[in-house]
N, C-alpha and C. Protein backbone atom coordinates (compact mmCIF):
# COMPACT_ATOMS: atom_id res chain seq x y z
N MET A 1 -18.75 -23.53 0.21
CA MET A 1 -18.30 -22.66 -0.43
C MET A 1 -18.97 -21.25 0.09
N ALA A 2 -20.43 -21.68 0.20
CA ALA A 2 -21.19 -20.71 1.25
C ALA A 2 -20.81 -19.85 2.03
N GLU A 3 -19.83 -20.95 3.48
CA GLU A 3 -19.38 -20.05 4.38
C GLU A 3 -18.08 -19.41 3.81
N ALA A 4 -17.56 -19.71 2.83
CA ALA A 4 -16.31 -18.88 1.83
C ALA A 4 -16.66 -17.45 1.36
N GLU A 5 -18.04 -17.77 1.10
CA GLU A 5 -18.27 -16.32 0.61
C GLU A 5 -18.64 -15.16 1.45
N ILE A 6 -19.43 -15.78 2.76
CA ILE A 6 -19.61 -15.01 3.87
C ILE A 6 -18.42 -14.19 4.49
N VAL A 7 -17.46 -14.76 4.19
CA VAL A 7 -16.01 -14.90 4.99
C VAL A 7 -15.82 -13.78 4.52
N ALA A 8 -15.71 -14.01 3.61
CA ALA A 8 -15.22 -12.61 2.17
C ALA A 8 -15.81 -11.51 2.19
N ARG A 9 -17.56 -11.63 1.88
CA ARG A 9 -18.33 -10.29 2.18
C ARG A 9 -17.65 -9.98 3.29
N GLN A 10 -18.06 -10.03 4.39
CA GLN A 10 -17.20 -9.60 6.01
C GLN A 10 -16.09 -9.11 5.92
N GLY A 11 -14.97 -9.39 5.16
CA GLY A 11 -13.92 -8.84 5.21
C GLY A 11 -13.47 -7.94 3.85
N ASN A 12 -14.66 -7.53 3.15
CA ASN A 12 -14.05 -6.55 1.90
C ASN A 12 -12.88 -7.40 1.08
N ALA A 13 -13.27 -8.76 1.15
CA ALA A 13 -12.10 -9.91 0.23
C ALA A 13 -12.85 -10.02 -0.85
N THR A 14 -12.28 -10.93 -1.81
CA THR A 14 -12.63 -11.66 -2.72
C THR A 14 -12.57 -12.91 -2.57
N ASN A 15 -13.89 -13.89 -2.86
CA ASN A 15 -13.73 -15.33 -3.02
C ASN A 15 -13.59 -15.78 -4.34
N CYS A 16 -12.39 -16.57 -4.70
CA CYS A 16 -11.61 -16.90 -5.74
C CYS A 16 -12.14 -18.46 -5.90
N GLU A 17 -12.93 -19.22 -4.54
CA GLU A 17 -13.49 -20.12 -4.83
C GLU A 17 -11.56 -21.29 -4.88
N ILE A 18 -12.51 -21.90 -6.04
CA ILE A 18 -11.11 -23.46 -6.55
C ILE A 18 -10.42 -22.52 -7.20
N LEU A 19 -10.29 -21.39 -7.88
CA LEU A 19 -9.53 -21.06 -8.85
C LEU A 19 -8.23 -20.18 -8.05
N ILE A 20 -7.42 -21.10 -7.91
CA ILE A 20 -5.77 -20.32 -7.48
C ILE A 20 -5.44 -20.03 -7.95
N GLU A 21 -5.63 -20.32 -9.76
CA GLU A 21 -5.00 -19.15 -10.50
C GLU A 21 -5.13 -17.61 -10.75
N ASP A 22 -6.50 -17.53 -10.31
CA ASP A 22 -6.96 -16.23 -10.19
C ASP A 22 -6.89 -15.25 -8.99
N ALA A 23 -6.79 -16.28 -7.69
CA ALA A 23 -6.27 -15.82 -6.64
C ALA A 23 -4.70 -15.18 -6.23
N VAL A 24 -4.42 -15.99 -7.03
CA VAL A 24 -2.56 -15.41 -7.08
C VAL A 24 -2.35 -14.00 -8.07
N GLU A 25 -3.32 -13.91 -8.92
CA GLU A 25 -3.01 -12.89 -10.34
C GLU A 25 -3.72 -11.65 -9.37
N THR A 26 -4.35 -12.04 -8.28
CA THR A 26 -5.36 -10.43 -7.81
C THR A 26 -5.08 -10.76 -6.44
N CYS A 27 -4.85 -11.51 -5.62
CA CYS A 27 -4.65 -11.48 -4.00
C CYS A 27 -3.71 -11.69 -3.56
N GLY A 28 -3.37 -10.95 -2.52
CA GLY A 28 -2.38 -10.96 -1.28
C GLY A 28 -2.10 -11.99 -0.08
N LEU A 29 -3.32 -12.68 0.17
CA LEU A 29 -3.11 -13.26 0.93
C LEU A 29 -4.35 -14.69 0.88
N ILE A 30 -3.75 -15.76 0.50
CA ILE A 30 -5.11 -17.00 0.19
C ILE A 30 -5.42 -17.32 1.80
N ILE A 31 -6.59 -18.05 2.07
CA ILE A 31 -6.79 -18.53 3.31
C ILE A 31 -7.62 -19.93 3.11
N ALA A 32 -6.72 -21.00 3.10
CA ALA A 32 -7.68 -22.16 3.38
C ALA A 32 -8.34 -22.68 3.93
N PRO A 33 -9.26 -23.73 3.21
CA PRO A 33 -10.52 -24.03 4.81
C PRO A 33 -10.22 -25.29 5.68
N THR A 34 -8.90 -25.73 4.84
CA THR A 34 -8.41 -27.09 5.61
C THR A 34 -7.16 -26.52 5.97
N VAL A 35 -6.54 -27.58 7.04
CA VAL A 35 -5.11 -27.97 7.11
C VAL A 35 -4.64 -28.65 5.48
N PHE A 36 -5.45 -29.69 5.48
CA PHE A 36 -5.04 -30.93 3.71
C PHE A 36 -5.04 -29.63 2.68
N SER A 37 -6.26 -28.73 2.25
CA SER A 37 -5.98 -27.65 1.46
C SER A 37 -5.12 -27.13 1.52
N GLY A 38 -4.47 -26.89 2.29
CA GLY A 38 -3.55 -25.21 2.61
C GLY A 38 -2.45 -25.52 2.55
N ASN A 39 -2.18 -27.55 2.90
CA ASN A 39 -0.88 -27.93 2.43
C ASN A 39 -0.98 -28.42 1.05
N LEU A 40 -2.01 -28.48 0.31
CA LEU A 40 -1.94 -28.57 -1.24
C LEU A 40 -1.91 -26.98 -2.01
N ILE A 41 -2.03 -26.45 -1.13
CA ILE A 41 -2.14 -24.75 -1.58
C ILE A 41 -0.60 -24.42 -1.77
N PHE A 42 0.12 -24.72 -0.44
CA PHE A 42 1.03 -24.59 -0.37
C PHE A 42 2.28 -24.67 -1.41
N ARG A 43 2.25 -26.48 -1.57
CA ARG A 43 3.21 -26.96 -1.64
C ARG A 43 3.07 -26.64 -3.73
N THR A 44 1.40 -26.31 -4.14
CA THR A 44 1.93 -25.50 -5.39
C THR A 44 1.91 -24.35 -5.53
N LEU A 45 1.65 -23.87 -4.88
CA LEU A 45 2.45 -22.42 -5.10
C LEU A 45 3.84 -21.88 -4.86
N THR A 46 4.62 -22.98 -3.57
CA THR A 46 6.01 -22.82 -3.50
C THR A 46 6.57 -23.44 -4.33
N LEU A 47 6.30 -24.52 -3.75
CA LEU A 47 7.65 -26.05 -4.64
C LEU A 47 7.00 -26.28 -6.12
N LEU A 48 5.96 -25.68 -6.33
CA LEU A 48 5.80 -26.08 -8.27
C LEU A 48 5.92 -24.63 -8.72
N GLY A 49 5.78 -23.83 -8.02
CA GLY A 49 5.42 -22.77 -8.81
C GLY A 49 6.19 -21.57 -8.12
N GLY A 50 7.28 -21.91 -7.31
CA GLY A 50 8.30 -20.47 -7.19
C GLY A 50 8.21 -19.45 -6.19
N GLY A 51 6.94 -19.35 -5.53
CA GLY A 51 6.25 -18.77 -4.98
C GLY A 51 6.91 -18.48 -3.65
N LEU A 52 6.71 -17.75 -3.16
CA LEU A 52 7.16 -17.13 -1.26
C LEU A 52 6.58 -17.75 -0.22
N ALA A 53 6.89 -18.38 0.61
CA ALA A 53 5.80 -18.99 1.99
C ALA A 53 6.39 -18.13 3.10
N HIS A 54 5.42 -17.87 3.84
CA HIS A 54 5.31 -17.06 4.84
C HIS A 54 4.96 -17.40 6.21
N GLY A 55 4.28 -18.75 6.32
CA GLY A 55 3.99 -19.93 7.25
C GLY A 55 2.54 -19.64 7.09
N ALA A 56 1.94 -20.30 8.19
CA ALA A 56 0.48 -20.14 8.52
C ALA A 56 -0.16 -20.05 9.88
N PRO A 57 -0.08 -19.06 10.16
CA PRO A 57 -0.49 -18.32 11.44
C PRO A 57 -1.86 -19.07 12.01
N VAL A 58 -1.46 -19.69 13.41
CA VAL A 58 -2.96 -20.41 13.92
C VAL A 58 -3.93 -19.73 14.45
N ALA A 59 -4.90 -19.69 14.58
CA ALA A 59 -5.64 -18.31 14.66
C ALA A 59 -6.60 -18.36 16.01
N ASN A 60 -6.94 -19.77 16.71
CA ASN A 60 -7.70 -19.95 17.80
C ASN A 60 -7.10 -20.47 19.14
N ILE A 61 -6.19 -19.62 19.15
CA ILE A 61 -5.20 -20.11 20.26
C ILE A 61 -4.79 -18.81 20.70
N SER A 62 -4.16 -18.97 22.40
CA SER A 62 -4.02 -17.41 22.72
C SER A 62 -2.71 -17.22 22.53
N ARG A 63 -1.81 -17.85 22.21
CA ARG A 63 0.00 -17.56 21.91
C ARG A 63 -0.25 -17.45 20.51
N ILE A 64 0.90 -16.90 19.98
CA ILE A 64 1.19 -16.41 18.58
C ILE A 64 1.85 -17.76 18.27
N PHE A 65 1.32 -18.43 16.93
CA PHE A 65 2.03 -19.66 16.49
C PHE A 65 2.12 -19.56 14.76
N VAL A 66 3.46 -19.54 14.55
CA VAL A 66 3.55 -19.40 12.91
C VAL A 66 3.59 -20.58 12.42
N ASP A 67 2.81 -21.89 11.75
CA ASP A 67 3.43 -22.87 11.26
C ASP A 67 3.91 -22.93 9.95
N SER A 68 5.25 -23.36 9.89
CA SER A 68 5.92 -23.22 8.54
C SER A 68 6.48 -24.66 8.01
N SER A 69 7.07 -24.87 6.76
CA SER A 69 7.31 -26.27 6.33
C SER A 69 8.82 -26.87 6.20
N ARG A 70 8.91 -28.14 6.20
CA ARG A 70 10.49 -28.26 6.58
C ARG A 70 11.24 -27.73 5.11
N ALA A 71 10.09 -27.88 4.00
CA ALA A 71 10.37 -27.43 2.92
C ALA A 71 10.84 -26.27 2.71
N SER A 72 10.45 -25.31 3.65
CA SER A 72 11.29 -23.79 3.38
C SER A 72 12.56 -24.11 3.54
N PRO A 73 13.73 -23.19 3.15
CA PRO A 73 14.96 -22.89 2.74
C PRO A 73 15.31 -22.03 4.17
N ASN A 74 14.37 -21.37 4.82
CA ASN A 74 14.41 -21.09 6.21
C ASN A 74 13.55 -19.92 6.57
N TYR A 75 13.46 -19.63 7.67
CA TYR A 75 12.11 -19.69 8.48
C TYR A 75 12.26 -17.96 9.18
N THR A 76 12.70 -17.30 8.02
CA THR A 76 12.56 -15.77 7.98
C THR A 76 11.55 -15.21 7.93
N ASN A 77 10.80 -15.82 6.91
CA ASN A 77 9.61 -15.14 6.49
C ASN A 77 8.04 -15.47 8.32
N ALA A 78 8.53 -16.61 8.03
CA ALA A 78 7.72 -17.12 9.26
C ALA A 78 8.04 -16.47 10.63
N LEU A 79 9.00 -15.92 10.78
CA LEU A 79 9.07 -15.10 12.17
C LEU A 79 8.79 -13.89 11.95
N LEU A 80 9.27 -12.78 10.71
CA LEU A 80 8.44 -11.62 10.47
C LEU A 80 7.29 -11.75 10.38
N LEU A 81 6.38 -12.54 10.07
CA LEU A 81 4.82 -13.00 10.30
C LEU A 81 4.54 -12.85 11.96
N ALA A 82 5.40 -13.53 12.47
CA ALA A 82 5.10 -14.10 13.68
C ALA A 82 5.16 -12.26 14.37
N ALA A 83 6.30 -11.76 14.27
CA ALA A 83 7.15 -10.58 15.00
C ALA A 83 5.53 -9.92 14.73
N SER A 84 4.91 -9.45 13.54
CA SER A 84 4.09 -8.61 12.74
C SER A 84 3.07 -9.05 13.45
N LEU A 85 2.23 -10.31 13.95
CA LEU A 85 1.35 -10.35 14.72
C LEU A 85 1.09 -9.96 16.38
N LEU A 86 2.72 -9.68 16.60
CA LEU A 86 2.60 -8.92 17.78
C LEU A 86 2.15 -7.22 18.24
N GLU A 87 2.54 -7.21 17.05
CA GLU A 87 1.83 -5.17 16.57
C GLU A 87 0.24 -5.39 16.65
């Protein structure tokens, strides 16, 4: 939790801790601390809550890669996110 607060402060962002219900009201982007928690957040927001998925960009590799879910109806949002990362 301390690391999340540091990252939020450095990025001039809000740390909603574990309160996803607060994050969806005020934030346009949610960064999960692990792949496992990210998968749970994705399933909660998109499959149960009707939200839109854009994929998960991988940040620690030299190539642009956006992970997406098999459960998504199409890959348009993931492709648009990858294209925006080129710029």
